[in-house]
Amino acid sequence: MTKSKVLGLSMMALLICALPLCAQDSPKEVNRPVAFAVSPPLRELAKLPQAPVYGFHQANPVHQVPKPYAGRVVDPVEQNVVNQPANYTVGLNVIGVGNGFPGYSVPDAPPDTQMDVGDTQIVQWVNVSYAVFDKATGNPLTGAIQGNVIWSSLGGACASFNSGDIIVLYDRMAHRWFLSQPVFSPPYMTCIAVSTSSDALGTYYLYAYPQGSGLFPDYPKFGVWPNGYYQNSNLFSQSFVRPQPCVYDRAKILVGDPSALQVCFTNLTGSEDTLQFANVESPTAPPANEDAFAIGSLGDVDSSHLSLYSIHIDWNNPNGATITGVGNSQLISIPNFTPSCGPGNYGGACVPQLGTSDMLDSLGGFLMHPFAYWEDQPLLNATATPPLPAPAQHFLIGHDVQAAGGNIGVRWYEFTAPVRAVPVTALNLFQSGTYAPDSNYRWMDSMARDKVGDILVGYSESSSTIHPAINVAGRTISDPLGTLEAEANIINGTGSQPDTSNRWGDYSAMRIDSSDNCTFWYSTEYYQVTQRFDWSTRIASAKFSNCH
């Protein structure tokens, strides 16, 4: 497509979208994109000179969501011993964008490492820059590309601002790449880029949408569902106000329709926060008429429940969209836990490191991205040992909690539901555990599963006697419920992080390879030297011996 045609499309879309849609008298907003365009191929944009980034950008302290401290409790699912050897091995293990990546100088902290894997490529994004890698070799196919470059054809704030808080997902149902970045300067926006093919280096449909209802939209997270791209942001004024879930018309975005709508719900409360929407990772999609599920941590209820939500939307009548679970009205019981870095913080800086008195923030009050969805086929469940709930939808997510020794462990969950368009209240907790096999601190986890039901969790690990390391731990379906096997090391850090507002980041990224549905990929940060703004990242694969 020529540049003139791209600009013409952008101007046409701007004229179309200047006319706002009027929502009914209901607690939602229905918006058209404020701009639309089609990008040149990313392989061409990657060749352009990247504007230098001067100085260092330090992340602000975490926008805390107020949560009461209910006191220390006994964790009934804490695993403080490991009886099973690791049945998984680390495969490809290469350096990602950061210190040590060719031609890259770290301009900011933390990296907020995001990554997903497609048919032949990996895309890794570290807040203000991303790169494309060859999946077979791990070799970079591009240098580090500034995050806002992809939206150059769109113009406006999406092209001008490089705010971080990024998301990269591979839409496995469509074999397309999904990229998103917010604009953290009024008027706030969400910038979306969806590839026109499975090639991450090709062209992208570009969209800009209003965001936040005038409030600062922090911590945006996405999930891919058949009828939409689902997002949640935590809205702040001077302090936390409420979460805001939104859904985008996936079918229209995938064909580059400039009229693709955004529906945002405005009726959630300050007692809720950090919703994570289910992200389809299995080769089988959920039933076509199934509502999208989300799970949230609790603002002011207790530490023995999570909140469940579902959104129903018909794009022929977007004003009729509904959300259930508002006001923590749909709770699911979980094993009790003590918040990490307590009392009273649900997060905060308490993770020690070797060689510095600076502590790292655990982000303990947030459920970690993604809320992974997997659907099993009946035959698989019938032949599994031991049998899985048959047939079942599986949802996986984790966060960190305080362990019995005062350190931090990874709390993980697997929820199940029948394979049908079930109400959100039909989700059941199948198993959970808190992985704390020694006195080290484990946090910033992300998890996924493979086609035979094996689960792998990746996380950072640190203590006063070691530099932050990257490790993984997992389980086969034959292991005792609620337990993980011995951990495997991705890399041991040789440096620690001083200063930088104690921020270690918002998330890491564990994904399953849709090509074989057996290979896991994990990416997060570590340090090679103890120096401000000098983090490195790793991209590594792992696989269980029983998955073929």
Protein backbone atom coordinates (compact mmCIF):
# COMPACT_ATOMS: atom_id res chain seq x y z
CA MET A 1 0.00 0.00 0.00
CA THR A 2 1.40 3.42 -0.93
CA LYS A 3 1.98 6.14 1.62
CA SER A 4 -0.70 8.31 0.01
CA LYS A 5 -3.27 5.55 0.36
CA VAL A 6 -2.29 5.00 3.99
CA LEU A 7 -2.66 8.70 4.72
CA GLY A 8 -5.96 8.74 2.86
CA LEU A 9 -7.28 5.90 4.99
CA SER A 10 -6.13 7.72 8.11
CA MET A 11 -7.90 10.94 7.14
CA MET A 12 -11.07 9.07 6.18
CA ALA A 13 -11.06 7.26 9.50
CA LEU A 14 -10.47 10.49 11.41
CA LEU A 15 -13.51 12.04 9.74
CA ILE A 16 -15.64 8.97 10.46
CA CYS A 17 -14.50 8.73 14.07
CA ALA A 18 -14.95 12.39 14.83
CA LEU A 19 -18.64 11.58 15.24
CA PRO A 20 -19.01 9.95 18.69
CA LEU A 21 -21.45 7.15 19.30
CA CYS A 22 -24.03 7.84 21.96
CA ALA A 23 -24.34 5.05 24.49
CA GLN A 24 -27.64 4.25 26.16
CA ASP A 25 -28.21 5.30 29.76
CA SER A 26 -26.12 2.43 31.06
CA PRO A 27 -22.79 2.13 32.88
CA LYS A 28 -20.66 1.87 29.76
CA GLU A 29 -19.06 3.89 27.00
CA VAL A 30 -19.17 2.86 23.33
CA ASN A 31 -16.47 4.50 21.23
CA ARG A 32 -15.20 4.46 17.68
CA PRO A 33 -11.43 4.65 17.13
CA VAL A 34 -10.13 8.20 16.96
CA ALA A 35 -7.72 7.17 14.18
CA PHE A 36 -7.02 4.26 11.83
CA ALA A 37 -4.21 3.47 9.38
CA VAL A 38 -2.21 0.63 7.85
CA SER A 39 1.51 0.52 8.58
CA PRO A 40 4.33 -0.11 6.15
CA PRO A 41 6.02 -3.50 6.68
CA LEU A 42 7.78 -3.64 10.04
CA ARG A 43 10.89 -4.99 8.30
CA GLU A 44 11.12 -1.62 6.52
CA LEU A 45 10.39 0.42 9.65
CA ALA A 46 13.10 -1.54 11.45
CA LYS A 47 15.68 -0.25 8.97
CA LEU A 48 14.92 3.39 9.76
CA PRO A 49 17.30 5.22 12.09
CA GLN A 50 16.00 5.01 15.64
CA ALA A 51 15.81 8.39 17.37
CA PRO A 52 18.29 8.47 20.25
CA VAL A 53 16.91 8.26 23.79
CA TYR A 54 18.74 10.74 25.99
CA GLY A 55 19.19 10.32 29.71
CA PHE A 56 17.40 7.77 31.86
CA HIS A 57 13.73 7.29 32.54
CA GLN A 58 13.01 5.88 35.95
CA ALA A 59 9.69 4.22 36.61
CA ASN A 60 7.40 5.85 39.11
CA PRO A 61 6.69 3.97 42.32
CA VAL A 62 3.86 1.44 42.03
CA HIS A 63 0.38 2.96 41.97
CA GLN A 64 -0.84 1.19 45.08
CA VAL A 65 -4.40 -0.06 45.39
CA PRO A 66 -5.39 0.26 49.08
CA LYS A 67 -5.95 -3.14 50.69
CA PRO A 68 -6.35 -3.97 54.38
CA TYR A 69 -4.05 -6.42 56.11
CA ALA A 70 -6.06 -9.20 57.72
CA GLY A 71 -3.09 -10.60 59.63
CA ARG A 72 -0.76 -13.56 59.26
CA VAL A 73 -2.43 -16.85 58.33
CA VAL A 74 -1.25 -20.41 57.81
CA ASP A 75 -0.98 -21.21 54.10
CA PRO A 76 -2.64 -24.64 53.72
CA VAL A 77 -1.08 -25.28 50.28
CA GLU A 78 2.49 -24.15 50.90
CA GLN A 79 5.05 -26.53 49.37
CA ASN A 80 8.31 -26.23 51.29
CA VAL A 81 9.90 -29.47 50.07
CA VAL A 82 10.42 -30.93 46.61
CA ASN A 83 10.01 -34.67 46.17
CA GLN A 84 9.91 -34.90 42.37
CA PRO A 85 12.90 -34.31 40.09
CA ALA A 86 12.39 -32.00 37.14
CA ASN A 87 10.85 -33.75 34.12
CA TYR A 88 11.58 -30.74 31.92
CA THR A 89 14.74 -29.42 30.35
CA VAL A 90 15.76 -25.98 29.15
CA GLY A 91 16.36 -25.74 25.41
CA LEU A 92 17.11 -22.54 23.53
CA ASN A 93 18.44 -19.86 25.90
CA VAL A 94 19.44 -16.52 24.37
CA ILE A 95 19.86 -12.92 25.45
CA GLY A 96 16.94 -10.58 24.76
CA VAL A 97 16.70 -6.81 24.46
CA GLY A 98 18.70 -5.12 27.22
CA ASN A 99 22.34 -4.93 28.30
CA GLY A 100 24.25 -7.22 25.92
CA PHE A 101 21.77 -7.01 23.04
CA PRO A 102 23.59 -5.74 19.92
CA GLY A 103 23.44 -1.98 19.49
CA TYR A 104 21.17 -1.40 22.51
CA SER A 105 21.76 0.98 25.40
CA VAL A 106 19.33 0.66 28.32
CA PRO A 107 17.40 3.96 28.66
CA ASP A 108 14.92 3.15 31.41
CA ALA A 109 13.92 0.81 34.22
CA PRO A 110 12.25 -1.54 34.75
CA PRO A 111 11.79 -3.38 31.41
CA ASP A 112 8.29 -4.83 32.10
CA THR A 113 9.27 -7.75 29.89
CA GLN A 114 6.61 -9.01 27.49
CA MET A 115 6.94 -11.75 24.86
CA ASP A 116 4.93 -14.16 22.75
CA VAL A 117 5.76 -16.80 20.19
CA GLY A 118 4.17 -17.24 16.77
CA ASP A 119 4.44 -19.76 13.96
CA THR A 120 8.08 -18.96 13.16
CA GLN A 121 8.94 -15.85 15.18
CA ILE A 122 9.21 -14.45 18.68
CA VAL A 123 8.38 -10.85 19.55
CA GLN A 124 9.85 -9.49 22.79
CA TRP A 125 8.98 -6.02 24.10
CA VAL A 126 10.72 -4.24 26.97
CA ASN A 127 8.64 -1.13 27.65
CA VAL A 128 10.08 1.31 25.09
CA SER A 129 11.65 -1.06 22.55
CA TYR A 130 10.94 -4.43 20.96
CA ALA A 131 12.65 -6.88 18.61
CA VAL A 132 11.67 -9.83 16.45
CA PHE A 133 13.58 -13.11 16.79
CA ASP A 134 13.76 -16.30 14.74
CA LYS A 135 12.04 -19.04 16.76
CA ALA A 136 14.25 -21.86 15.46
CA THR A 137 17.60 -20.27 16.24
CA GLY A 138 16.86 -17.44 18.69
CA ASN A 139 18.73 -15.04 16.41
CA PRO A 140 17.37 -11.48 16.28
CA LEU A 141 15.77 -10.58 12.96
CA THR A 142 15.74 -6.87 13.83
CA GLY A 143 17.55 -4.52 16.09
CA ALA A 144 15.69 -2.86 18.96
CA ILE A 145 12.77 -0.88 17.50
CA GLN A 146 11.24 1.96 19.50
CA GLY A 147 7.75 1.02 20.62
CA ASN A 148 5.84 3.88 19.00
CA VAL A 149 7.44 3.44 15.54
CA ILE A 150 4.77 0.95 14.43
CA TRP A 151 2.12 3.69 14.84
CA SER A 152 3.99 6.26 12.70
CA SER A 153 1.40 6.05 9.92
CA LEU A 154 -1.35 6.73 12.44
CA GLY A 155 0.05 10.08 13.55
CA GLY A 156 -1.11 11.78 16.73
CA ALA A 157 -0.32 10.69 20.25
CA CYS A 158 0.23 7.00 19.41
CA ALA A 159 3.04 8.00 17.05
CA SER A 160 4.48 10.61 19.40
CA PHE A 161 4.46 8.95 22.81
CA ASN A 162 6.38 5.88 23.93
CA SER A 163 4.81 5.30 27.33
CA GLY A 164 5.63 1.65 28.05
CA ASP A 165 3.19 -0.66 29.91
CA ILE A 166 3.06 -2.72 26.75
CA ILE A 167 1.36 -5.97 25.76
CA VAL A 168 2.33 -8.40 22.99
CA LEU A 169 0.15 -11.44 22.29
CA TYR A 170 -0.06 -13.94 19.46
CA ASP A 171 -3.68 -14.45 18.47
CA ARG A 172 -3.47 -18.22 17.96
CA MET A 173 -6.98 -18.49 16.54
CA ALA A 174 -6.17 -16.08 13.69
CA HIS A 175 -2.35 -16.47 13.51
CA ARG A 176 -1.92 -12.72 13.98
CA TRP A 177 0.24 -10.55 16.22
CA PHE A 178 -1.46 -8.20 18.69
CA LEU A 179 0.52 -5.22 20.05
CA SER A 180 -0.77 -2.57 22.43
CA GLN A 181 0.67 0.47 24.16
CA PRO A 182 -1.10 3.21 26.16
CA VAL A 183 -0.66 6.95 25.89
CA PHE A 184 -0.06 8.15 29.46
CA SER A 185 -0.57 11.82 28.66
CA PRO A 186 -4.05 13.42 28.47
CA PRO A 187 -6.14 12.72 26.53
CA TYR A 188 -5.30 9.12 27.45
CA MET A 189 -5.44 6.52 24.70
CA THR A 190 -4.95 2.85 23.92
CA CYS A 191 -2.91 2.18 20.77
CA ILE A 192 -3.49 -1.19 19.06
CA ALA A 193 -1.60 -2.80 16.17
CA VAL A 194 -2.72 -6.14 14.71
CA SER A 195 -0.64 -7.80 11.99
CA THR A 196 -2.24 -8.46 8.63
CA SER A 197 -0.61 -11.92 8.49
CA SER A 198 1.35 -14.32 10.70
CA ASP A 199 4.54 -12.46 9.79
CA ALA A 200 5.55 -10.12 12.61
CA LEU A 201 7.70 -8.22 10.11
CA GLY A 202 4.77 -7.47 7.80
CA THR A 203 2.12 -4.75 7.81
CA TYR A 204 -0.27 -3.93 10.67
CA TYR A 205 -3.75 -2.47 11.08
CA LEU A 206 -3.37 0.48 13.45
CA TYR A 207 -6.00 1.88 15.82
CA ALA A 208 -6.15 4.57 18.50
CA TYR A 209 -8.98 4.51 21.07
CA PRO A 210 -9.91 6.85 23.93
CA GLN A 211 -9.13 5.42 27.33
CA GLY A 212 -9.66 6.02 31.02
CA SER A 213 -12.72 8.29 31.04
CA GLY A 214 -10.37 11.14 31.89
CA LEU A 215 -8.59 9.16 34.63
CA PHE A 216 -5.04 7.80 34.45
CA PRO A 217 -5.31 4.23 33.01
CA ASP A 218 -2.53 2.31 34.74
CA TYR A 219 -1.50 -1.34 34.40
CA PRO A 220 -3.39 -2.19 31.16
CA LYS A 221 -3.60 -5.93 30.44
CA PHE A 222 -5.19 -7.83 27.52
CA GLY A 223 -6.60 -11.25 26.74
CA VAL A 224 -7.67 -12.74 23.38
CA TRP A 225 -11.16 -14.31 23.19
CA PRO A 226 -13.11 -15.35 20.06
CA ASN A 227 -15.46 -12.34 20.08
CA GLY A 228 -13.07 -9.65 21.22
CA TYR A 229 -9.78 -8.34 22.50
CA TYR A 230 -10.44 -7.79 26.21
CA GLN A 231 -8.61 -5.22 28.33
CA ASN A 232 -8.55 -3.96 31.88
CA SER A 233 -6.89 -0.85 33.31
CA ASN A 234 -6.72 0.42 36.88
CA LEU A 235 -7.93 4.04 36.90
CA PHE A 236 -6.31 6.65 39.16
CA SER A 237 -6.92 10.27 40.00
CA GLN A 238 -4.74 11.28 42.94
CA SER A 239 -5.46 7.80 44.26
CA PHE A 240 -7.07 4.60 42.99
CA VAL A 241 -10.63 5.07 41.69
CA ARG A 242 -11.73 1.80 40.04
CA PRO A 243 -10.85 -0.70 37.32
CA GLN A 244 -12.18 -0.25 33.81
CA PRO A 245 -12.68 -3.32 31.61
CA CYS A 246 -13.01 -2.75 27.86
CA VAL A 247 -13.62 -4.97 24.85
CA TYR A 248 -12.65 -4.33 21.22
CA ASP A 249 -14.35 -5.79 18.14
CA ARG A 250 -11.83 -8.47 17.17
CA ALA A 251 -13.60 -9.55 13.96
CA LYS A 252 -13.48 -6.04 12.49
CA ILE A 253 -9.95 -5.33 13.69
CA LEU A 254 -8.69 -8.51 12.00
CA VAL A 255 -9.93 -7.25 8.62
CA GLY A 256 -8.85 -3.65 9.14
CA ASP A 257 -12.32 -2.17 9.47
CA PRO A 258 -12.00 1.47 10.66
CA SER A 259 -15.38 1.24 12.42
CA ALA A 260 -14.28 -1.42 14.95
CA LEU A 261 -15.85 -0.41 18.27
CA GLN A 262 -14.59 -0.24 21.82
CA VAL A 263 -16.99 -0.87 24.73
CA CYS A 264 -15.82 0.14 28.23
CA PHE A 265 -17.69 -0.51 31.47
CA THR A 266 -17.79 2.28 34.03
CA ASN A 267 -19.68 0.68 36.92
CA LEU A 268 -16.92 -1.15 38.80
CA THR A 269 -15.96 0.04 42.26
CA GLY A 270 -12.92 0.91 44.32
CA SER A 271 -13.17 -2.44 46.09
CA GLU A 272 -12.07 -4.19 42.87
CA ASP A 273 -8.85 -4.08 40.91
CA THR A 274 -6.47 -5.77 38.48
CA LEU A 275 -8.83 -7.86 36.40
CA GLN A 276 -7.08 -10.33 34.10
CA PHE A 277 -9.08 -11.55 31.10
CA ALA A 278 -8.76 -15.12 29.83
CA ASN A 279 -6.32 -15.49 26.93
CA VAL A 280 -6.89 -18.43 24.56
CA GLU A 281 -3.69 -20.51 24.29
CA SER A 282 -5.05 -23.93 23.26
CA PRO A 283 -5.53 -25.05 19.65
CA THR A 284 -9.24 -25.50 20.41
CA ALA A 285 -11.14 -22.27 20.99
CA PRO A 286 -13.90 -21.97 23.59
CA PRO A 287 -17.51 -22.34 22.42
CA ALA A 288 -18.47 -19.51 20.08
CA ASN A 289 -21.28 -18.29 22.32
CA GLU A 290 -19.30 -18.35 25.55
CA ASP A 291 -18.90 -15.07 27.42
CA ALA A 292 -15.39 -13.82 28.18
CA PHE A 293 -14.11 -14.61 31.68
CA ALA A 294 -11.99 -12.42 33.93
CA ILE A 295 -10.57 -12.90 37.40
CA GLY A 296 -9.62 -10.17 39.85
CA SER A 297 -7.85 -9.74 43.15
CA LEU A 298 -9.87 -8.27 45.98
CA GLY A 299 -9.59 -4.67 47.11
CA ASP A 300 -11.22 -4.83 50.52
CA VAL A 301 -12.76 -8.26 51.00
CA ASP A 302 -10.28 -10.87 52.26
CA SER A 303 -7.37 -13.09 51.21
CA SER A 304 -9.41 -16.27 50.77
CA HIS A 305 -11.37 -15.36 47.64
CA LEU A 306 -10.88 -14.06 44.13
CA SER A 307 -13.53 -12.19 42.14
CA LEU A 308 -14.96 -13.66 38.94
CA TYR A 309 -16.43 -11.67 36.05
CA SER A 310 -17.93 -12.30 32.64
CA ILE A 311 -18.78 -9.99 29.78
CA HIS A 312 -21.55 -10.68 27.29
CA ILE A 313 -21.45 -8.71 24.08
CA ASP A 314 -23.29 -8.79 20.77
CA TRP A 315 -21.56 -6.50 18.28
CA ASN A 316 -24.89 -6.00 16.50
CA ASN A 317 -26.07 -4.33 19.71
CA PRO A 318 -22.97 -3.08 21.57
CA ASN A 319 -25.04 -0.86 23.86
CA GLY A 320 -26.64 -4.02 25.23
CA ALA A 321 -23.33 -5.41 26.50
CA THR A 322 -23.37 -6.54 30.13
CA ILE A 323 -20.81 -7.42 32.78
CA THR A 324 -21.50 -9.71 35.73
CA GLY A 325 -19.58 -9.87 38.99
CA VAL A 326 -19.46 -6.12 39.69
CA GLY A 327 -18.89 -5.25 43.34
CA ASN A 328 -17.23 -8.61 44.10
CA SER A 329 -20.63 -10.26 43.72
CA GLN A 330 -19.19 -13.50 42.27
CA LEU A 331 -16.49 -14.92 44.52
CA ILE A 332 -14.50 -18.12 44.24
CA SER A 333 -12.86 -19.60 47.33
CA ILE A 334 -9.10 -20.11 47.32
CA PRO A 335 -6.71 -21.32 50.04
CA ASN A 336 -5.98 -18.50 52.47
CA PHE A 337 -2.72 -16.60 52.14
CA THR A 338 -0.67 -13.88 53.78
CA PRO A 339 0.05 -10.93 51.47
CA SER A 340 3.68 -10.57 50.46
CA CYS A 341 5.75 -7.76 51.93
CA GLY A 342 3.13 -7.18 54.66
CA PRO A 343 1.72 -5.93 56.80
CA GLY A 344 -0.57 -3.58 54.99
CA ASN A 345 1.18 -3.31 51.64
CA TYR A 346 0.12 -6.18 49.39
CA GLY A 347 3.41 -5.67 47.67
CA GLY A 348 6.10 -3.14 48.32
CA ALA A 349 9.86 -3.40 48.43
CA CYS A 350 10.90 -6.40 50.53
CA VAL A 351 12.86 -8.70 48.20
CA PRO A 352 16.58 -8.74 49.18
CA GLN A 353 19.52 -9.00 46.78
CA LEU A 354 23.17 -9.81 47.09
CA GLY A 355 25.52 -6.85 47.26
CA THR A 356 23.07 -3.99 47.88
CA SER A 357 20.71 -2.84 50.59
CA ASP A 358 18.10 -1.88 47.97
CA MET A 359 15.03 -4.11 48.07
CA LEU A 360 12.87 -5.07 45.08
CA ASP A 361 9.12 -4.55 44.77
CA SER A 362 7.17 -7.80 44.70
CA LEU A 363 3.96 -6.34 43.17
CA GLY A 364 2.20 -8.78 45.47
CA GLY A 365 -1.23 -7.21 45.21
CA PHE A 366 -1.59 -8.00 41.51
CA LEU A 367 -2.57 -11.17 39.72
CA MET A 368 0.07 -11.87 37.09
CA HIS A 369 -0.51 -11.83 33.34
CA PRO A 370 -1.84 -13.85 31.55
CA PHE A 371 -5.00 -15.65 32.69
CA ALA A 372 -4.22 -18.59 30.42
CA TYR A 373 -7.07 -20.57 28.84
CA TRP A 374 -6.77 -24.14 27.60
CA GLU A 375 -9.49 -26.47 26.34
CA ASP A 376 -8.94 -30.23 26.39
CA GLN A 377 -10.55 -32.70 24.03
CA PRO A 378 -12.54 -35.57 25.58
CA LEU A 379 -10.15 -38.28 24.35
CA LEU A 380 -7.16 -36.62 26.01
CA ASN A 381 -8.94 -36.51 29.34
CA ALA A 382 -10.05 -40.14 29.08
CA THR A 383 -6.50 -41.38 28.48
CA ALA A 384 -4.65 -39.09 30.90
CA THR A 385 -3.03 -40.59 34.02
CA PRO A 386 -4.51 -39.65 36.38
CA PRO A 387 -7.65 -38.63 34.46
CA LEU A 388 -8.28 -34.90 34.19
CA PRO A 389 -11.78 -33.50 34.73
CA ALA A 390 -13.32 -34.64 31.43
CA PRO A 391 -13.79 -32.81 29.18
CA ALA A 392 -12.74 -29.48 30.65
CA GLN A 393 -11.78 -25.88 30.14
CA HIS A 394 -8.72 -24.93 32.16
CA PHE A 395 -7.71 -21.46 33.41
CA LEU A 396 -4.32 -20.76 35.02
CA ILE A 397 -2.97 -17.75 36.90
CA GLY A 398 -0.66 -16.88 39.78
CA HIS A 399 0.71 -14.22 42.13
CA ASP A 400 3.18 -14.11 45.01
CA VAL A 401 2.44 -14.50 48.72
CA GLN A 402 4.34 -14.58 51.99
CA ALA A 403 5.68 -18.00 52.94
CA ALA A 404 5.99 -19.44 56.43
CA GLY A 405 9.61 -18.35 56.72
CA GLY A 406 8.79 -14.71 55.95
CA ASN A 407 10.13 -15.00 52.41
CA ILE A 408 7.95 -14.92 49.27
CA GLY A 409 6.65 -17.88 47.29
CA VAL A 410 4.71 -18.26 44.05
CA ARG A 411 1.00 -18.99 44.57
CA TRP A 412 -0.54 -20.62 41.48
CA TYR A 413 -4.06 -21.80 40.55
CA GLU A 414 -5.72 -24.07 38.01
CA PHE A 415 -9.48 -23.60 37.57
CA THR A 416 -11.69 -25.89 35.50
CA ALA A 417 -15.17 -25.80 33.98
CA PRO A 418 -17.17 -28.07 31.64
CA VAL A 419 -16.73 -27.55 27.91
CA ARG A 420 -19.88 -25.63 27.20
CA ALA A 421 -20.92 -22.00 27.38
CA VAL A 422 -20.82 -22.04 31.17
CA PRO A 423 -21.69 -19.19 33.53
CA VAL A 424 -18.65 -17.74 35.24
CA THR A 425 -19.79 -19.17 38.59
CA ALA A 426 -19.29 -22.68 37.17
CA LEU A 427 -15.51 -22.28 37.39
CA ASN A 428 -14.06 -24.54 40.07
CA LEU A 429 -10.66 -24.50 41.74
CA PHE A 430 -9.07 -27.77 40.61
CA GLN A 431 -5.68 -27.32 42.31
CA SER A 432 -3.39 -24.67 43.78
CA GLY A 433 -0.08 -24.43 45.55
CA THR A 434 2.47 -22.02 47.01
CA TYR A 435 5.95 -22.89 45.79
CA ALA A 436 8.47 -21.98 48.50
CA PRO A 437 10.91 -24.91 48.70
CA ASP A 438 13.63 -22.92 50.52
CA SER A 439 14.27 -19.50 52.07
CA ASN A 440 14.77 -17.67 48.76
CA TYR A 441 12.23 -15.15 47.43
CA ARG A 442 10.28 -16.11 44.30
CA TRP A 443 8.03 -13.56 42.57
CA MET A 444 6.88 -11.95 39.28
CA ASP A 445 5.59 -15.27 37.96
CA SER A 446 3.86 -16.25 34.73
CA MET A 447 2.49 -19.68 33.85
CA ALA A 448 1.16 -21.79 30.99
CA ARG A 449 0.36 -25.44 30.18
CA ASP A 450 0.94 -27.86 27.32
CA LYS A 451 -1.31 -30.22 25.38
CA VAL A 452 -0.94 -33.12 27.82
CA GLY A 453 -1.72 -31.05 30.91
CA ASP A 454 1.81 -30.27 32.14
CA ILE A 455 2.19 -26.85 33.78
CA LEU A 456 5.29 -24.64 33.83
CA VAL A 457 5.78 -21.53 35.98
CA GLY A 458 8.55 -19.00 35.42
CA TYR A 459 9.68 -16.44 37.99
CA SER A 460 12.49 -14.35 39.42
CA GLU A 461 14.39 -15.64 42.45
CA SER A 462 16.60 -13.70 44.85
CA SER A 463 17.91 -13.48 48.42
CA SER A 464 20.57 -11.68 50.41
CA THR A 465 23.06 -14.35 49.29
CA ILE A 466 22.30 -14.48 45.54
CA HIS A 467 21.75 -11.99 42.73
CA PRO A 468 18.31 -12.15 41.10
CA ALA A 469 18.09 -15.28 38.94
CA ILE A 470 15.60 -16.63 36.41
CA ASN A 471 14.13 -20.08 37.14
CA VAL A 472 11.21 -22.27 36.15
CA ALA A 473 9.33 -25.02 37.98
CA GLY A 474 6.56 -27.25 36.71
CA ARG A 475 4.52 -30.40 37.08
CA THR A 476 3.22 -33.27 35.02
CA ILE A 477 -0.39 -34.43 35.35
CA SER A 478 0.81 -37.50 37.27
CA ASP A 479 2.40 -35.43 40.07
CA PRO A 480 0.48 -34.95 43.34
CA LEU A 481 -2.03 -32.13 43.00
CA GLY A 482 -0.82 -28.71 44.14
CA THR A 483 2.89 -29.54 43.82
CA LEU A 484 5.69 -28.48 41.50
CA GLU A 485 8.83 -30.44 40.72
CA ALA A 486 12.41 -29.28 41.32
CA GLU A 487 13.19 -26.01 39.59
CA ALA A 488 15.38 -25.60 36.52
CA ASN A 489 17.69 -22.64 36.09
CA ILE A 490 17.50 -20.32 33.07
CA ILE A 491 20.33 -18.06 34.21
CA ASN A 492 21.92 -16.86 37.43
CA GLY A 493 22.32 -13.12 37.65
CA THR A 494 25.79 -11.72 38.26
CA GLY A 495 24.56 -8.33 39.41
CA SER A 496 21.77 -6.72 41.43
CA GLN A 497 19.52 -3.70 40.84
CA PRO A 498 20.27 -0.56 42.84
CA ASP A 499 17.81 2.34 43.12
CA THR A 500 15.25 2.67 40.23
CA SER A 501 12.39 3.16 42.71
CA ASN A 502 12.79 -0.48 43.80
CA ARG A 503 10.79 -1.44 40.68
CA TRP A 504 11.44 -4.91 39.25
CA GLY A 505 8.58 -4.57 36.79
CA ASP A 506 4.91 -5.35 36.26
CA TYR A 507 5.09 -8.82 34.71
CA SER A 508 7.08 -11.54 33.02
CA ALA A 509 5.92 -13.75 30.13
CA MET A 510 5.40 -17.53 29.93
CA ARG A 511 3.82 -18.76 26.69
CA ILE A 512 3.17 -22.10 24.99
CA ASP A 513 4.29 -22.64 21.40
CA SER A 514 1.22 -23.12 19.21
CA SER A 515 3.26 -25.01 16.58
CA ASP A 516 3.70 -28.12 18.75
CA ASN A 517 1.74 -27.20 21.91
CA CYS A 518 4.60 -28.75 23.91
CA THR A 519 7.37 -26.13 23.97
CA PHE A 520 7.19 -23.41 26.63
CA TRP A 521 8.87 -20.03 26.17
CA TYR A 522 9.76 -17.70 29.05
CA SER A 523 11.21 -14.20 29.23
CA THR A 524 12.04 -11.87 32.10
CA GLU A 525 14.87 -9.70 33.41
CA TYR A 526 18.13 -10.16 35.32
CA TYR A 527 21.33 -8.15 35.88
CA GLN A 528 24.84 -8.90 34.67
CA VAL A 529 26.34 -6.00 36.64
CA THR A 530 25.23 -4.08 39.73
CA GLN A 531 24.45 -0.75 38.11
CA ARG A 532 21.39 1.45 37.65
CA PHE A 533 19.59 1.15 34.32
CA ASP A 534 21.64 -1.80 33.14
CA TRP A 535 19.24 -4.73 33.14
CA SER A 536 19.38 -7.62 30.73
CA THR A 537 16.64 -10.03 29.61
CA ARG A 538 16.55 -13.67 28.61
CA ILE A 539 14.40 -15.68 26.17
CA ALA A 540 14.40 -19.41 26.90
CA SER A 541 12.44 -22.49 25.89
CA ALA A 542 11.66 -25.58 27.98
CA LYS A 543 9.86 -28.84 27.37
CA PHE A 544 8.57 -31.79 29.38
CA SER A 545 9.88 -35.24 28.48
CA ASN A 546 6.35 -36.68 28.19
CA CYS A 547 5.04 -34.17 25.61
CA HIS A 548 5.55 -35.10 21.96
